[in-house]
Amino acid sequence: MRIRRIFAAVFATAAFAGLGLTGVATATAATQGVPSVVTPSECKQGGGTADLANNVCKGGMYDGEQVD
């Protein structure tokens, strides 16, 4: 009976530690996934319009990003 409690505590601790590590990895990936410069076609595919006079994407997923 004592072994079951110890095993359950070790398993729960490992599970919570694993959840913490995946949360950090997800946050890091989300931060690095957004490009700082997009092409006019990427801007359009993201739902925006490339303003080539000001070299900026307006609207959509890349709103405010520099267009190259």
PDB file of N, CA and C in Angstrom:
ATOM      1  N   MET A   1       0.823  -1.186   0.000  1.00  0.00           N
ATOM      2  CA  MET A   1       0.000   0.000   0.000  1.00  0.00           C
ATOM      3  C   MET A   1       0.872   1.257   0.000  1.00  0.00           C
ATOM      4  N   ARG A   2       1.933   1.253   0.770  1.00  0.00           N
ATOM      5  CA  ARG A   2       2.816   2.403   0.862  1.00  0.00           C
ATOM      6  C   ARG A   2       3.505   2.641  -0.485  1.00  0.00           C
ATOM      7  N   ILE A   3       3.868   1.561  -1.168  1.00  0.00           N
ATOM      8  CA  ILE A   3       4.554   1.675  -2.458  1.00  0.00           C
ATOM      9  C   ILE A   3       3.635   2.333  -3.483  1.00  0.00           C
ATOM     10  N   ARG A   4       2.363   2.031  -3.448  1.00  0.00           N
ATOM     11  CA  ARG A   4       1.423   2.648  -4.387  1.00  0.00           C
ATOM     12  C   ARG A   4       1.358   4.155  -4.178  1.00  0.00           C
ATOM     13  N   ARG A   5       1.334   4.600  -2.945  1.00  0.00           N
ATOM     14  CA  ARG A   5       1.276   6.038  -2.657  1.00  0.00           C
ATOM     15  C   ARG A   5       2.548   6.739  -3.124  1.00  0.00           C
ATOM     16  N   ILE A   6       3.674   6.114  -2.873  1.00  0.00           N
ATOM     17  CA  ILE A   6       4.945   6.700  -3.311  1.00  0.00           C
ATOM     18  C   ILE A   6       4.999   6.770  -4.830  1.00  0.00           C
ATOM     19  N   PHE A   7       4.595   5.673  -5.487  1.00  0.00           N
ATOM     20  CA  PHE A   7       4.591   5.643  -6.942  1.00  0.00           C
ATOM     21  C   PHE A   7       3.654   6.715  -7.509  1.00  0.00           C
ATOM     22  N   ALA A   8       2.482   6.868  -6.906  1.00  0.00           N
ATOM     23  CA  ALA A   8       1.523   7.874  -7.374  1.00  0.00           C
ATOM     24  C   ALA A   8       2.090   9.279  -7.202  1.00  0.00           C
ATOM     25  N   ALA A   9       2.775   9.543  -6.096  1.00  0.00           N
ATOM     26  CA  ALA A   9       3.358  10.864  -5.863  1.00  0.00           C
ATOM     27  C   ALA A   9       4.471  11.150  -6.871  1.00  0.00           C
ATOM     28  N   VAL A  10       5.312  10.175  -7.138  1.00  0.00           N
ATOM     29  CA  VAL A  10       6.397  10.352  -8.114  1.00  0.00           C
ATOM     30  C   VAL A  10       5.819  10.581  -9.510  1.00  0.00           C
ATOM     31  N   PHE A  11       4.805   9.815  -9.865  1.00  0.00           N
ATOM     32  CA  PHE A  11       4.184   9.953 -11.182  1.00  0.00           C
ATOM     33  C   PHE A  11       3.533  11.329 -11.336  1.00  0.00           C
ATOM     34  N   ALA A  12       2.832  11.799 -10.323  1.00  0.00           N
ATOM     35  CA  ALA A  12       2.174  13.107 -10.379  1.00  0.00           C
ATOM     36  C   ALA A  12       3.201  14.229 -10.495  1.00  0.00           C
ATOM     37  N   THR A  13       4.291  14.126  -9.758  1.00  0.00           N
ATOM     38  CA  THR A  13       5.339  15.134  -9.832  1.00  0.00           C
ATOM     39  C   THR A  13       5.953  15.184 -11.226  1.00  0.00           C
ATOM     40  N   ALA A  14       6.210  14.038 -11.804  1.00  0.00           N
ATOM     41  CA  ALA A  14       6.778  13.988 -13.152  1.00  0.00           C
ATOM     42  C   ALA A  14       5.801  14.562 -14.178  1.00  0.00           C
ATOM     43  N   ALA A  15       4.523  14.279 -14.006  1.00  0.00           N
ATOM     44  CA  ALA A  15       3.523  14.792 -14.942  1.00  0.00           C
ATOM     45  C   ALA A  15       3.443  16.307 -14.877  1.00  0.00           C
ATOM     46  N   PHE A  16       3.436  16.875 -13.675  1.00  0.00           N
ATOM     47  CA  PHE A  16       3.380  18.334 -13.546  1.00  0.00           C
ATOM     48  C   PHE A  16       4.645  18.992 -14.069  1.00  0.00           C
ATOM     49  N   ALA A  17       5.780  18.388 -13.877  1.00  0.00           N
ATOM     50  CA  ALA A  17       7.032  18.939 -14.398  1.00  0.00           C
ATOM     51  C   ALA A  17       7.024  18.923 -15.920  1.00  0.00           C
ATOM     52  N   GLY A  18       6.502  17.860 -16.511  1.00  0.00           N
ATOM     53  CA  GLY A  18       6.404  17.778 -17.967  1.00  0.00           C
ATOM     54  C   GLY A  18       5.494  18.845 -18.540  1.00  0.00           C
ATOM     55  N   LEU A  19       4.379  19.126 -17.869  1.00  0.00           N
ATOM     56  CA  LEU A  19       3.474  20.171 -18.330  1.00  0.00           C
ATOM     57  C   LEU A  19       4.141  21.535 -18.278  1.00  0.00           C
ATOM     58  N   GLY A  20       4.931  21.786 -17.274  1.00  0.00           N
ATOM     59  CA  GLY A  20       5.635  23.059 -17.171  1.00  0.00           C
ATOM     60  C   GLY A  20       6.639  23.243 -18.287  1.00  0.00           C
ATOM     61  N   LEU A  21       7.357  22.198 -18.645  1.00  0.00           N
ATOM     62  CA  LEU A  21       8.353  22.294 -19.709  1.00  0.00           C
ATOM     63  C   LEU A  21       7.706  22.505 -21.059  1.00  0.00           C
ATOM     64  N   THR A  22       6.578  21.851 -21.326  1.00  0.00           N
ATOM     65  CA  THR A  22       5.929  22.036 -22.624  1.00  0.00           C
ATOM     66  C   THR A  22       5.333  23.435 -22.736  1.00  0.00           C
ATOM     67  N   GLY A  23       4.880  23.999 -21.646  1.00  0.00           N
ATOM     68  CA  GLY A  23       4.355  25.368 -21.669  1.00  0.00           C
ATOM     69  C   GLY A  23       5.439  26.371 -22.022  1.00  0.00           C
ATOM     70  N   VAL A  24       6.632  26.188 -21.482  1.00  0.00           N
ATOM     71  CA  VAL A  24       7.752  27.079 -21.790  1.00  0.00           C
ATOM     72  C   VAL A  24       8.161  26.929 -23.241  1.00  0.00           C
ATOM     73  N   ALA A  25       8.204  25.709 -23.748  1.00  0.00           N
ATOM     74  CA  ALA A  25       8.587  25.476 -25.141  1.00  0.00           C
ATOM     75  C   ALA A  25       7.573  26.099 -26.094  1.00  0.00           C
ATOM     76  N   THR A  26       6.304  26.012 -25.770  1.00  0.00           N
ATOM     77  CA  THR A  26       5.269  26.594 -26.621  1.00  0.00           C
ATOM     78  C   THR A  26       5.380  28.106 -26.643  1.00  0.00           C
ATOM     79  N   ALA A  27       5.614  28.719 -25.494  1.00  0.00           N
ATOM     80  CA  ALA A  27       5.743  30.174 -25.443  1.00  0.00           C
ATOM     81  C   ALA A  27       6.958  30.652 -26.231  1.00  0.00           C
ATOM     82  N   THR A  28       8.057  29.930 -26.171  1.00  0.00           N
ATOM     83  CA  THR A  28       9.257  30.299 -26.912  1.00  0.00           C
ATOM     84  C   THR A  28       9.023  30.161 -28.405  1.00  0.00           C
ATOM     85  N   ALA A  29       8.371  29.102 -28.832  1.00  0.00           N
ATOM     86  CA  ALA A  29       8.114  28.896 -30.251  1.00  0.00           C
ATOM     87  C   ALA A  29       7.180  29.964 -30.798  1.00  0.00           C
ATOM     88  N   ALA A  30       6.195  30.365 -30.026  1.00  0.00           N
ATOM     89  CA  ALA A  30       5.271  31.389 -30.486  1.00  0.00           C
ATOM     90  C   ALA A  30       5.972  32.734 -30.636  1.00  0.00           C
ATOM     91  N   THR A  31       6.885  33.037 -29.770  1.00  0.00           N
ATOM     92  CA  THR A  31       7.611  34.292 -29.846  1.00  0.00           C
ATOM     93  C   THR A  31       8.522  34.334 -31.058  1.00  0.00           C
ATOM     94  N   GLN A  32       9.159  33.239 -31.388  1.00  0.00           N
ATOM     95  CA  GLN A  32      10.106  33.215 -32.484  1.00  0.00           C
ATOM     96  C   GLN A  32       9.433  33.004 -33.833  1.00  0.00           C
ATOM     97  N   GLY A  33       8.174  32.622 -33.896  1.00  0.00           N
ATOM     98  CA  GLY A  33       7.518  32.278 -35.138  1.00  0.00           C
ATOM     99  C   GLY A  33       7.093  33.462 -35.989  1.00  0.00           C
ATOM    100  N   VAL A  34       7.056  34.673 -35.432  1.00  0.00           N
ATOM    101  CA  VAL A  34       6.571  35.824 -36.165  1.00  0.00           C
ATOM    102  C   VAL A  34       7.737  36.511 -36.872  1.00  0.00           C
ATOM    103  N   PRO A  35       7.700  36.584 -38.218  1.00  0.00           N
ATOM    104  CA  PRO A  35       8.794  37.243 -38.931  1.00  0.00           C
ATOM    105  C   PRO A  35       8.726  38.761 -38.783  1.00  0.00           C
ATOM    106  N   SER A  36       9.859  39.434 -38.855  1.00  0.00           N
ATOM    107  CA  SER A  36       9.878  40.889 -38.750  1.00  0.00           C
ATOM    108  C   SER A  36       9.790  41.540 -40.118  1.00  0.00           C
ATOM    109  N   VAL A  37      10.128  40.797 -41.182  1.00  0.00           N
ATOM    110  CA  VAL A  37      10.037  41.288 -42.552  1.00  0.00           C
ATOM    111  C   VAL A  37       9.293  40.244 -43.371  1.00  0.00           C
ATOM    112  N   VAL A  38       8.287  40.685 -44.121  1.00  0.00           N
ATOM    113  CA  VAL A  38       7.510  39.767 -44.948  1.00  0.00           C
ATOM    114  C   VAL A  38       7.548  40.228 -46.397  1.00  0.00           C
ATOM    115  N   THR A  39       7.280  39.298 -47.293  1.00  0.00           N
ATOM    116  CA  THR A  39       7.179  39.647 -48.702  1.00  0.00           C
ATOM    117  C   THR A  39       5.754  40.128 -48.986  1.00  0.00           C
ATOM    118  N   PRO A  40       5.553  40.846 -50.081  1.00  0.00           N
ATOM    119  CA  PRO A  40       4.184  41.276 -50.410  1.00  0.00           C
ATOM    120  C   PRO A  40       3.203  40.103 -50.540  1.00  0.00           C
ATOM    121  N   SER A  41       3.671  38.965 -51.077  1.00  0.00           N
ATOM    122  CA  SER A  41       2.769  37.815 -51.211  1.00  0.00           C
ATOM    123  C   SER A  41       2.433  37.212 -49.847  1.00  0.00           C
ATOM    124  N   GLU A  42       3.401  37.187 -48.920  1.00  0.00           N
ATOM    125  CA  GLU A  42       3.118  36.686 -47.568  1.00  0.00           C
ATOM    126  C   GLU A  42       2.108  37.586 -46.872  1.00  0.00           C
ATOM    127  N   CYS A  43       2.244  38.891 -47.071  1.00  0.00           N
ATOM    128  CA  CYS A  43       1.297  39.838 -46.484  1.00  0.00           C
ATOM    129  C   CYS A  43      -0.109  39.566 -47.006  1.00  0.00           C
ATOM    130  N   LYS A  44      -0.229  39.366 -48.327  1.00  0.00           N
ATOM    131  CA  LYS A  44      -1.528  39.108 -48.937  1.00  0.00           C
ATOM    132  C   LYS A  44      -2.107  37.780 -48.474  1.00  0.00           C
ATOM    133  N   GLN A  45      -1.257  36.736 -48.382  1.00  0.00           N
ATOM    134  CA  GLN A  45      -1.727  35.433 -47.917  1.00  0.00           C
ATOM    135  C   GLN A  45      -2.181  35.489 -46.462  1.00  0.00           C
ATOM    136  N   GLY A  46      -1.588  36.386 -45.672  1.00  0.00           N
ATOM    137  CA  GLY A  46      -1.978  36.539 -44.278  1.00  0.00           C
ATOM    138  C   GLY A  46      -3.222  37.387 -44.095  1.00  0.00           C
ATOM    139  N   GLY A  47      -3.810  37.848 -45.209  1.00  0.00           N
ATOM    140  CA  GLY A  47      -5.053  38.605 -45.117  1.00  0.00           C
ATOM    141  C   GLY A  47      -4.858  40.100 -45.126  1.00  0.00           C
ATOM    142  N   GLY A  48      -3.651  40.562 -45.408  1.00  0.00           N
ATOM    143  CA  GLY A  48      -3.380  41.996 -45.408  1.00  0.00           C
ATOM    144  C   GLY A  48      -3.148  42.547 -46.798  1.00  0.00           C
ATOM    145  N   THR A  49      -2.820  43.838 -46.839  1.00  0.00           N
ATOM    146  CA  THR A  49      -2.505  44.520 -48.084  1.00  0.00           C
ATOM    147  C   THR A  49      -1.130  45.138 -47.941  1.00  0.00           C
ATOM    148  N   ALA A  50      -0.264  44.906 -48.926  1.00  0.00           N
ATOM    149  CA  ALA A  50       1.091  45.451 -48.890  1.00  0.00           C
ATOM    150  C   ALA A  50       1.068  46.901 -49.347  1.00  0.00           C
ATOM    151  N   ASP A  51       1.424  47.819 -48.453  1.00  0.00           N
ATOM    152  CA  ASP A  51       1.546  49.235 -48.790  1.00  0.00           C
ATOM    153  C   ASP A  51       2.994  49.474 -49.190  1.00  0.00           C
ATOM    154  N   LEU A  52       3.268  49.416 -50.497  1.00  0.00           N
ATOM    155  CA  LEU A  52       4.644  49.522 -50.980  1.00  0.00           C
ATOM    156  C   LEU A  52       5.190  50.937 -50.906  1.00  0.00           C
ATOM    157  N   ALA A  53       4.323  51.943 -50.799  1.00  0.00           N
ATOM    158  CA  ALA A  53       4.790  53.322 -50.656  1.00  0.00           C
ATOM    159  C   ALA A  53       5.478  53.518 -49.299  1.00  0.00           C
ATOM    160  N   ASN A  54       4.949  52.841 -48.268  1.00  0.00           N
ATOM    161  CA  ASN A  54       5.506  52.966 -46.918  1.00  0.00           C
ATOM    162  C   ASN A  54       6.236  51.696 -46.474  1.00  0.00           C
ATOM    163  N   ASN A  55       6.272  50.669 -47.344  1.00  0.00           N
ATOM    164  CA  ASN A  55       6.908  49.382 -47.043  1.00  0.00           C
ATOM    165  C   ASN A  55       6.392  48.759 -45.754  1.00  0.00           C
ATOM    166  N   VAL A  56       5.072  48.667 -45.636  1.00  0.00           N
ATOM    167  CA  VAL A  56       4.456  48.080 -44.458  1.00  0.00           C
ATOM    168  C   VAL A  56       3.232  47.264 -44.874  1.00  0.00           C
ATOM    169  N   CYS A  57       2.957  46.217 -44.118  1.00  0.00           N
ATOM    170  CA  CYS A  57       1.773  45.388 -44.357  1.00  0.00           C
ATOM    171  C   CYS A  57       0.640  45.935 -43.502  1.00  0.00           C
ATOM    172  N   LYS A  58      -0.501  46.168 -44.136  1.00  0.00           N
ATOM    173  CA  LYS A  58      -1.643  46.732 -43.412  1.00  0.00           C
ATOM    174  C   LYS A  58      -2.748  45.689 -43.317  1.00  0.00           C
ATOM    175  N   GLY A  59      -3.144  45.381 -42.089  1.00  0.00           N
ATOM    176  CA  GLY A  59      -4.216  44.427 -41.846  1.00  0.00           C
ATOM    177  C   GLY A  59      -3.720  42.998 -41.850  1.00  0.00           C
ATOM    178  N   GLY A  60      -4.588  42.099 -41.463  1.00  0.00           N
ATOM    179  CA  GLY A  60      -4.278  40.675 -41.487  1.00  0.00           C
ATOM    180  C   GLY A  60      -3.313  40.234 -40.408  1.00  0.00           C
ATOM    181  N   MET A  61      -2.705  39.094 -40.645  1.00  0.00           N
ATOM    182  CA  MET A  61      -1.832  38.451 -39.661  1.00  0.00           C
ATOM    183  C   MET A  61      -0.518  39.210 -39.467  1.00  0.00           C
ATOM    184  N   TYR A  62      -0.024  39.882 -40.504  1.00  0.00           N
ATOM    185  CA  TYR A  62       1.267  40.577 -40.430  1.00  0.00           C
ATOM    186  C   TYR A  62       1.106  42.086 -40.332  1.00  0.00           C
ATOM    187  N   ASP A  63       0.031  42.557 -39.770  1.00  0.00           N
ATOM    188  CA  ASP A  63      -0.261  43.980 -39.666  1.00  0.00           C
ATOM    189  C   ASP A  63       0.883  44.733 -38.986  1.00  0.00           C
ATOM    190  N   GLY A  64       1.408  45.749 -39.673  1.00  0.00           N
ATOM    191  CA  GLY A  64       2.479  46.567 -39.120  1.00  0.00           C
ATOM    192  C   GLY A  64       3.885  46.061 -39.411  1.00  0.00           C
ATOM    193  N   GLU A  65       3.986  44.871 -39.993  1.00  0.00           N
ATOM    194  CA  GLU A  65       5.325  44.317 -40.293  1.00  0.00           C
ATOM    195  C   GLU A  65       5.894  44.985 -41.533  1.00  0.00           C
ATOM    196  N   GLN A  66       7.206  45.068 -41.589  1.00  0.00           N
ATOM    197  CA  GLN A  66       7.903  45.668 -42.722  1.00  0.00           C
ATOM    198  C   GLN A  66       7.805  44.742 -43.934  1.00  0.00           C
ATOM    199  N   VAL A  67       7.551  45.336 -45.101  1.00  0.00           N
ATOM    200  CA  VAL A  67       7.462  44.578 -46.356  1.00  0.00           C
ATOM    201  C   VAL A  67       8.740  44.774 -47.117  1.00  0.00           C
ATOM    202  N   ASP A  68       9.324  43.669 -47.567  1.00  0.00           N
ATOM    203  CA  ASP A  68      10.581  43.736 -48.319  1.00  0.00           C
ATOM    204  C   ASP A  68      10.322  43.463 -49.785  1.00  0.00           C
TER     205      ASP A  68
END
